[in-house]
Amino acid sequence: ADGSTITKGGRDAVSADPTGEDFPWKPLPFSAVLRKSFVGEGGAALDRSAVDGKALGLYFSARSCPRCREFTPKLAQWN
């Protein structure tokens, strides 16, 4: 992406196209938004190919959320 405007009427275009067939832009594939490398289990550096063909889950939490503070450590222990 080069940051150029792809449509000035995005909201109108989306509203007029409830099935999304003429959506004014195409989303990037998930692999394109991943960093070139990231930290894996045990602190090992991994590149994008480590997740190719795998199902990924994204988890967002907040320290101010009591349920998140309770669940996050449990999730971290799950393998």
N, C-alpha and C. Protein backbone atom coordinates (compact mmCIF):
# COMPACT_ATOMS: atom_id res chain seq x y z
N ALA A 1 0.84 -1.18 0.00
CA ALA A 1 0.00 0.00 0.00
C ALA A 1 0.88 1.23 0.00
N ASP A 2 0.48 2.21 -0.77
CA ASP A 2 1.28 3.42 -0.87
C ASP A 2 0.64 4.61 -0.16
N GLY A 3 -0.48 4.42 0.50
CA GLY A 3 -1.12 5.48 1.24
C GLY A 3 -2.00 6.39 0.42
N SER A 4 -2.16 6.09 -0.87
CA SER A 4 -3.00 6.95 -1.71
C SER A 4 -4.47 6.66 -1.45
N THR A 5 -5.30 7.66 -1.72
CA THR A 5 -6.74 7.52 -1.53
C THR A 5 -7.29 6.56 -2.58
N ILE A 6 -8.03 5.56 -2.12
CA ILE A 6 -8.60 4.60 -3.06
C ILE A 6 -10.05 4.90 -3.36
N THR A 7 -10.71 5.60 -2.46
CA THR A 7 -12.08 6.03 -2.71
C THR A 7 -12.41 7.16 -1.75
N LYS A 8 -13.16 8.13 -2.22
CA LYS A 8 -13.60 9.22 -1.35
C LYS A 8 -15.00 8.94 -0.82
N GLY A 9 -15.68 7.99 -1.40
CA GLY A 9 -17.04 7.67 -0.98
C GLY A 9 -17.14 6.26 -0.44
N GLY A 10 -16.20 5.86 0.39
CA GLY A 10 -16.16 4.49 0.89
C GLY A 10 -17.40 4.08 1.64
N ARG A 11 -17.87 4.94 2.53
CA ARG A 11 -19.06 4.58 3.31
C ARG A 11 -20.27 4.40 2.40
N ASP A 12 -20.45 5.31 1.46
CA ASP A 12 -21.57 5.18 0.51
C ASP A 12 -21.43 3.92 -0.34
N ALA A 13 -20.21 3.63 -0.77
CA ALA A 13 -19.98 2.45 -1.61
C ALA A 13 -20.29 1.17 -0.85
N VAL A 14 -19.88 1.10 0.41
CA VAL A 14 -20.14 -0.09 1.21
C VAL A 14 -21.63 -0.22 1.50
N SER A 15 -22.27 0.89 1.83
CA SER A 15 -23.71 0.86 2.14
C SER A 15 -24.54 0.46 0.93
N ALA A 16 -24.10 0.85 -0.26
CA ALA A 16 -24.84 0.53 -1.47
C ALA A 16 -24.57 -0.89 -1.98
N ASP A 17 -23.66 -1.59 -1.34
CA ASP A 17 -23.26 -2.93 -1.79
C ASP A 17 -23.33 -3.92 -0.63
N PRO A 18 -24.53 -4.30 -0.19
CA PRO A 18 -24.65 -5.14 1.01
C PRO A 18 -24.01 -6.52 0.90
N THR A 19 -23.81 -7.02 -0.30
CA THR A 19 -23.17 -8.33 -0.44
C THR A 19 -21.66 -8.24 -0.53
N GLY A 20 -21.12 -7.03 -0.71
CA GLY A 20 -19.68 -6.82 -0.76
C GLY A 20 -19.02 -7.17 -2.08
N GLU A 21 -19.81 -7.39 -3.12
CA GLU A 21 -19.23 -7.78 -4.40
C GLU A 21 -18.41 -6.67 -5.05
N ASP A 22 -18.78 -5.42 -4.80
CA ASP A 22 -18.05 -4.30 -5.39
C ASP A 22 -17.29 -3.52 -4.33
N PHE A 23 -16.86 -4.20 -3.30
CA PHE A 23 -16.13 -3.54 -2.22
C PHE A 23 -14.99 -2.75 -2.82
N PRO A 24 -14.79 -1.50 -2.42
CA PRO A 24 -13.82 -0.64 -3.12
C PRO A 24 -12.36 -0.94 -2.85
N TRP A 25 -12.05 -1.87 -1.98
CA TRP A 25 -10.66 -2.23 -1.74
C TRP A 25 -10.58 -3.70 -1.36
N LYS A 26 -9.42 -4.24 -1.47
CA LYS A 26 -9.21 -5.64 -1.13
C LYS A 26 -8.32 -5.71 0.11
N PRO A 27 -8.72 -6.49 1.12
CA PRO A 27 -7.88 -6.59 2.31
C PRO A 27 -6.58 -7.32 2.01
N LEU A 28 -5.56 -6.98 2.75
CA LEU A 28 -4.28 -7.67 2.62
C LEU A 28 -4.40 -9.07 3.22
N PRO A 29 -3.68 -10.02 2.67
CA PRO A 29 -3.67 -11.34 3.30
C PRO A 29 -3.01 -11.22 4.68
N PHE A 30 -3.40 -12.08 5.61
CA PHE A 30 -2.88 -11.99 6.97
C PHE A 30 -1.36 -12.08 6.99
N SER A 31 -0.79 -12.89 6.12
CA SER A 31 0.67 -13.03 6.11
C SER A 31 1.37 -11.72 5.77
N ALA A 32 0.68 -10.83 5.07
CA ALA A 32 1.29 -9.55 4.69
C ALA A 32 1.33 -8.57 5.86
N VAL A 33 0.52 -8.78 6.86
CA VAL A 33 0.53 -7.85 7.99
C VAL A 33 1.37 -8.35 9.16
N LEU A 34 1.84 -9.59 9.08
CA LEU A 34 2.74 -10.11 10.10
C LEU A 34 4.12 -9.49 9.94
N ARG A 35 4.81 -9.35 11.02
CA ARG A 35 6.20 -8.91 10.93
C ARG A 35 7.02 -10.00 10.24
N LYS A 36 8.23 -9.66 9.82
CA LYS A 36 9.07 -10.65 9.17
C LYS A 36 9.48 -11.75 10.14
N SER A 37 9.60 -11.39 11.41
CA SER A 37 9.91 -12.40 12.42
C SER A 37 9.19 -12.03 13.71
N PHE A 38 9.01 -13.01 14.56
CA PHE A 38 8.37 -12.79 15.84
C PHE A 38 8.87 -13.84 16.82
N VAL A 39 8.52 -13.67 18.07
CA VAL A 39 9.02 -14.55 19.13
C VAL A 39 8.07 -15.71 19.32
N GLY A 40 8.62 -16.90 19.31
CA GLY A 40 7.83 -18.10 19.51
C GLY A 40 8.01 -18.65 20.92
N GLU A 41 7.55 -19.86 21.10
CA GLU A 41 7.63 -20.53 22.39
C GLU A 41 9.08 -20.61 22.86
N GLY A 42 9.31 -20.31 24.11
CA GLY A 42 10.65 -20.36 24.67
C GLY A 42 11.55 -19.22 24.23
N GLY A 43 10.99 -18.22 23.55
CA GLY A 43 11.77 -17.06 23.13
C GLY A 43 12.51 -17.24 21.81
N ALA A 44 12.28 -18.35 21.13
CA ALA A 44 12.96 -18.60 19.86
C ALA A 44 12.42 -17.66 18.77
N ALA A 45 13.31 -17.13 17.96
CA ALA A 45 12.89 -16.28 16.85
C ALA A 45 12.32 -17.14 15.72
N LEU A 46 11.17 -16.74 15.20
CA LEU A 46 10.52 -17.46 14.12
C LEU A 46 10.28 -16.50 12.96
N ASP A 47 10.31 -17.02 11.74
CA ASP A 47 9.92 -16.18 10.62
C ASP A 47 8.50 -16.54 10.19
N ARG A 48 7.97 -15.79 9.24
CA ARG A 48 6.58 -15.97 8.82
C ARG A 48 6.26 -17.40 8.38
N SER A 49 7.23 -18.09 7.82
CA SER A 49 6.97 -19.44 7.32
C SER A 49 6.56 -20.40 8.44
N ALA A 50 6.85 -20.05 9.69
CA ALA A 50 6.49 -20.91 10.82
C ALA A 50 4.99 -21.02 11.00
N VAL A 51 4.23 -20.08 10.44
CA VAL A 51 2.77 -20.11 10.60
C VAL A 51 2.05 -20.42 9.29
N ASP A 52 2.78 -20.65 8.23
CA ASP A 52 2.15 -20.98 6.95
C ASP A 52 1.30 -22.23 7.08
N GLY A 53 0.07 -22.15 6.61
CA GLY A 53 -0.82 -23.29 6.61
C GLY A 53 -1.39 -23.64 7.97
N LYS A 54 -1.18 -22.81 8.96
CA LYS A 54 -1.69 -23.08 10.30
C LYS A 54 -2.82 -22.12 10.64
N ALA A 55 -3.72 -22.57 11.48
CA ALA A 55 -4.78 -21.69 11.98
C ALA A 55 -4.20 -20.86 13.12
N LEU A 56 -4.45 -19.57 13.09
CA LEU A 56 -3.94 -18.68 14.11
C LEU A 56 -5.10 -18.06 14.88
N GLY A 57 -4.89 -17.85 16.14
CA GLY A 57 -5.87 -17.14 16.96
C GLY A 57 -5.25 -15.88 17.50
N LEU A 58 -5.97 -14.80 17.46
CA LEU A 58 -5.49 -13.54 18.01
C LEU A 58 -6.28 -13.26 19.29
N TYR A 59 -5.58 -12.88 20.31
CA TYR A 59 -6.21 -12.61 21.59
C TYR A 59 -5.82 -11.21 22.05
N PHE A 60 -6.80 -10.40 22.34
CA PHE A 60 -6.57 -9.05 22.82
C PHE A 60 -7.14 -8.95 24.23
N SER A 61 -6.40 -8.33 25.11
CA SER A 61 -6.88 -8.17 26.47
C SER A 61 -6.41 -6.83 27.02
N ALA A 62 -6.91 -6.50 28.20
CA ALA A 62 -6.52 -5.25 28.85
C ALA A 62 -6.22 -5.54 30.32
N ARG A 63 -5.21 -4.90 30.84
CA ARG A 63 -4.87 -5.09 32.25
C ARG A 63 -5.99 -4.61 33.16
N SER A 64 -6.79 -3.68 32.68
CA SER A 64 -7.88 -3.14 33.49
C SER A 64 -9.09 -4.06 33.52
N CYS A 65 -9.05 -5.15 32.77
CA CYS A 65 -10.18 -6.08 32.68
C CYS A 65 -9.94 -7.26 33.63
N PRO A 66 -10.74 -7.38 34.70
CA PRO A 66 -10.53 -8.49 35.65
C PRO A 66 -10.61 -9.86 34.99
N ARG A 67 -11.54 -10.07 34.09
CA ARG A 67 -11.65 -11.38 33.42
C ARG A 67 -10.42 -11.66 32.58
N CYS A 68 -9.89 -10.63 31.92
CA CYS A 68 -8.68 -10.80 31.12
C CYS A 68 -7.49 -11.17 32.00
N ARG A 69 -7.35 -10.49 33.13
CA ARG A 69 -6.24 -10.78 34.05
C ARG A 69 -6.33 -12.20 34.57
N GLU A 70 -7.52 -12.72 34.70
CA GLU A 70 -7.70 -14.10 35.16
C GLU A 70 -7.43 -15.09 34.04
N PHE A 71 -7.89 -14.78 32.83
CA PHE A 71 -7.80 -15.74 31.72
C PHE A 71 -6.44 -15.77 31.04
N THR A 72 -5.78 -14.62 30.91
CA THR A 72 -4.52 -14.55 30.14
C THR A 72 -3.47 -15.54 30.64
N PRO A 73 -3.22 -15.66 31.94
CA PRO A 73 -2.22 -16.65 32.38
C PRO A 73 -2.61 -18.08 32.04
N LYS A 74 -3.90 -18.37 32.08
CA LYS A 74 -4.36 -19.71 31.72
C LYS A 74 -4.12 -19.97 30.24
N LEU A 75 -4.38 -18.97 29.42
CA LEU A 75 -4.14 -19.11 27.99
C LEU A 75 -2.66 -19.31 27.70
N ALA A 76 -1.80 -18.60 28.42
CA ALA A 76 -0.37 -18.71 28.21
C ALA A 76 0.16 -20.11 28.55
N GLN A 77 -0.52 -20.81 29.47
CA GLN A 77 -0.09 -22.16 29.84
C GLN A 77 -0.56 -23.22 28.84
N TRP A 78 -1.57 -22.90 28.04
CA TRP A 78 -2.14 -23.86 27.11
C TRP A 78 -1.20 -24.11 25.95
N ASN A 79 -1.04 -25.35 25.57
CA ASN A 79 -0.17 -25.70 24.42
C ASN A 79 -0.97 -26.41 23.38
